[in-house]
Amino acid sequence: MKGLAVLLGALALAGCGLKPMYAGGGNAAVAQGLAGVQVSAIQGKAGWLVRNALVDELGMSGAKGVTPRYRLDIRLDDKLESFALLSDDTVGRERRTLRARYQLVDIGSGAVVLDETAGTDAGIDVVSSDYATIAAEQTALENMAKDLASRITTNIALRLRGNTRQ
């Protein structure tokens, strides 16, 4: 009985038209498209972290001999705000936000293929140790850079998948 339910579920899923984005592994059209994205330099420490995370996400680090087809231009807005004042007028919490406006540009034609924004934020507890607070701020920035890179890569992959359909 359980096997029949699994079989019927598999048949229903196969008939729905869903196709895995990365079907074919590294040779898939989307994976090849992502490997053909050149990431422009991004200003600041946050930019350096986001760019490195994007290079890892897009697969550029192992893409020898791949001619870039697209250029990814990004402008970041990194803010650190204090709030949650305590009774002794000290800050108890901070909020760090990292926002990106990015454009995917076709290198051959100069046309903007994708023009979007993405963002992420994190809450940070401010403690009595300055070192611990600075370490928490740095860790939050590193995690946010990875999250932002993942969001941007997913959006680019969806666009490239749309462009590869016949």
Protein backbone atom coordinates (compact mmCIF):
# COMPACT_ATOMS: atom_id res chain seq x y z
CA MET A 1 0.00 0.00 0.00
CA LYS A 2 2.81 2.39 0.93
CA GLY A 3 4.70 1.52 -2.26
CA LEU A 4 1.63 2.26 -4.37
CA ALA A 5 1.28 5.70 -2.78
CA VAL A 6 4.93 6.47 -3.49
CA LEU A 7 4.56 5.30 -7.09
CA LEU A 8 1.45 7.42 -7.64
CA GLY A 9 3.18 10.43 -6.08
CA ALA A 10 6.19 10.00 -8.35
CA LEU A 11 3.96 9.75 -11.42
CA ALA A 12 2.02 12.87 -10.43
CA LEU A 13 5.24 14.81 -9.86
CA ALA A 14 6.69 13.69 -13.19
CA GLY A 15 3.58 14.90 -15.01
CA CYS A 16 3.54 18.38 -13.46
CA GLY A 17 6.25 19.82 -15.72
CA LEU A 18 8.75 20.67 -12.97
CA LYS A 19 12.35 20.43 -14.12
CA PRO A 20 15.35 20.61 -11.80
CA MET A 21 17.27 23.84 -12.34
CA TYR A 22 20.65 22.13 -12.23
CA ALA A 23 19.69 18.95 -14.10
CA GLY A 24 22.86 17.75 -15.77
CA GLY A 25 25.20 18.95 -13.00
CA GLY A 26 28.08 21.16 -14.07
CA ASN A 27 27.21 20.71 -17.74
CA ALA A 28 23.67 22.04 -17.35
CA ALA A 29 22.77 25.24 -19.19
CA VAL A 30 22.15 27.12 -15.93
CA ALA A 31 25.44 25.98 -14.37
CA GLN A 32 27.33 26.97 -17.52
CA GLY A 33 25.53 30.31 -17.56
CA LEU A 34 26.45 30.99 -13.93
CA ALA A 35 30.08 30.08 -14.63
CA GLY A 36 30.02 32.71 -17.40
CA VAL A 37 29.22 35.57 -15.00
CA GLN A 38 32.11 37.92 -14.25
CA VAL A 39 31.72 39.75 -10.92
CA SER A 40 32.94 43.34 -10.92
CA ALA A 41 34.88 44.71 -7.97
CA ILE A 42 32.67 46.01 -5.13
CA GLN A 43 33.83 48.80 -2.82
CA GLY A 44 34.53 48.32 0.87
CA LYS A 45 34.98 45.42 3.25
CA ALA A 46 31.38 44.29 2.79
CA GLY A 47 31.91 44.45 -0.98
CA TRP A 48 35.00 42.28 -0.74
CA LEU A 49 33.08 39.70 1.31
CA VAL A 50 30.07 39.72 -1.03
CA ARG A 51 32.24 39.45 -4.14
CA ASN A 52 34.18 36.47 -2.75
CA ALA A 53 30.93 34.75 -1.75
CA LEU A 54 29.51 35.40 -5.25
CA VAL A 55 32.59 33.98 -6.95
CA ASP A 56 32.19 30.83 -4.83
CA GLU A 57 28.42 30.62 -5.48
CA LEU A 58 28.69 31.19 -9.22
CA GLY A 59 31.40 28.58 -9.66
CA MET A 60 33.93 31.01 -11.15
CA SER A 61 36.77 29.76 -8.94
CA GLY A 62 36.98 26.47 -10.86
CA ALA A 63 35.91 27.75 -14.26
CA LYS A 64 39.14 27.72 -16.22
CA GLY A 65 38.80 28.64 -19.86
CA VAL A 66 35.21 29.89 -19.57
CA THR A 67 34.74 33.14 -21.47
CA PRO A 68 32.52 35.50 -19.46
CA ARG A 69 29.22 36.25 -21.15
CA TYR A 70 27.78 38.47 -18.43
CA ARG A 71 29.12 41.09 -16.03
CA LEU A 72 27.57 41.53 -12.60
CA ASP A 73 27.71 45.10 -11.26
CA ILE A 74 26.76 45.64 -7.62
CA ARG A 75 26.36 48.67 -5.36
CA LEU A 76 26.07 47.96 -1.64
CA ASP A 77 24.52 49.89 1.21
CA ASP A 78 25.83 48.67 4.60
CA LYS A 79 24.28 50.25 7.70
CA LEU A 80 24.79 49.64 11.40
CA GLU A 81 22.14 51.23 13.62
CA SER A 82 21.97 51.29 17.39
CA PHE A 83 18.69 50.98 19.24
CA ALA A 84 17.17 49.46 22.36
CA LEU A 85 18.46 51.97 24.88
CA LEU A 86 18.81 50.55 28.35
CA SER A 87 17.95 52.33 31.60
CA ASP A 88 21.53 53.61 31.94
CA ASP A 89 21.38 55.20 28.43
CA THR A 90 23.61 52.55 26.85
CA VAL A 91 22.79 50.70 23.67
CA GLY A 92 21.52 47.16 24.15
CA ARG A 93 21.08 46.07 20.56
CA GLU A 94 22.23 46.92 17.03
CA ARG A 95 20.77 46.17 13.65
CA ARG A 96 23.00 45.68 10.63
CA THR A 97 21.45 45.85 7.17
CA LEU A 98 23.13 45.00 3.90
CA ARG A 99 21.32 45.95 0.69
CA ALA A 100 22.48 45.44 -2.88
CA ARG A 101 21.37 46.89 -6.17
CA TYR A 102 22.72 44.68 -8.89
CA GLN A 103 22.66 44.53 -12.65
CA LEU A 104 23.50 41.61 -14.88
CA VAL A 105 24.88 43.01 -18.14
CA ASP A 106 25.35 41.07 -21.36
CA ILE A 107 28.99 41.79 -22.23
CA GLY A 108 28.49 41.38 -25.98
CA SER A 109 25.57 43.76 -26.41
CA GLY A 110 25.82 45.90 -23.27
CA ALA A 111 22.14 45.22 -22.55
CA VAL A 112 21.01 44.99 -18.94
CA VAL A 113 19.53 41.51 -18.58
CA LEU A 114 18.58 41.82 -14.91
CA ASP A 115 18.20 44.87 -12.67
CA GLU A 116 17.17 43.95 -9.12
CA THR A 117 17.73 44.58 -5.44
CA ALA A 118 18.31 42.17 -2.58
CA GLY A 119 18.91 42.61 1.09
CA THR A 120 19.44 40.96 4.41
CA ASP A 121 19.72 42.09 8.01
CA ALA A 122 20.86 40.86 11.41
CA GLY A 123 20.33 41.79 15.03
CA ILE A 124 23.36 42.05 17.28
CA ASP A 125 23.41 42.13 21.07
CA VAL A 126 25.69 44.80 22.50
CA VAL A 127 27.49 43.42 25.53
CA SER A 128 29.90 44.95 28.02
CA SER A 129 32.93 43.61 26.15
CA ASP A 130 33.79 45.81 23.17
CA TYR A 131 35.76 42.94 21.63
CA ALA A 132 32.74 40.60 21.78
CA THR A 133 30.49 43.23 20.21
CA ILE A 134 32.95 43.92 17.38
CA ALA A 135 33.37 40.17 16.79
CA ALA A 136 29.57 39.78 16.64
CA GLU A 137 29.32 42.66 14.14
CA GLN A 138 32.00 41.06 11.96
CA THR A 139 30.39 37.62 12.11
CA ALA A 140 27.02 39.13 11.21
CA LEU A 141 28.58 40.88 8.19
CA GLU A 142 30.24 37.67 6.99
CA ASN A 143 26.99 35.70 7.31
CA MET A 144 25.00 38.44 5.62
CA ALA A 145 27.47 38.55 2.70
CA LYS A 146 26.99 34.81 2.13
CA ASP A 147 23.21 35.14 2.39
CA LEU A 148 23.15 38.07 -0.03
CA ALA A 149 25.36 36.21 -2.52
CA SER A 150 23.05 33.21 -2.34
CA ARG A 151 19.97 35.38 -3.00
CA ILE A 152 21.63 37.11 -5.95
CA THR A 153 22.87 33.82 -7.43
CA THR A 154 19.42 32.24 -7.16
CA ASN A 155 17.82 35.19 -8.92
CA ILE A 156 20.44 35.11 -11.69
CA ALA A 157 19.96 31.35 -12.09
CA LEU A 158 16.21 31.83 -12.45
CA ARG A 159 16.77 34.49 -15.11
CA LEU A 160 19.29 32.36 -16.98
CA ARG A 161 16.97 29.37 -16.85
CA GLY A 162 14.28 31.55 -18.37
CA ASN A 163 16.66 32.62 -21.14
CA THR A 164 17.70 29.04 -21.95
CA ARG A 165 14.17 27.70 -22.53
CA GLN A 166 13.32 27.09 -26.16
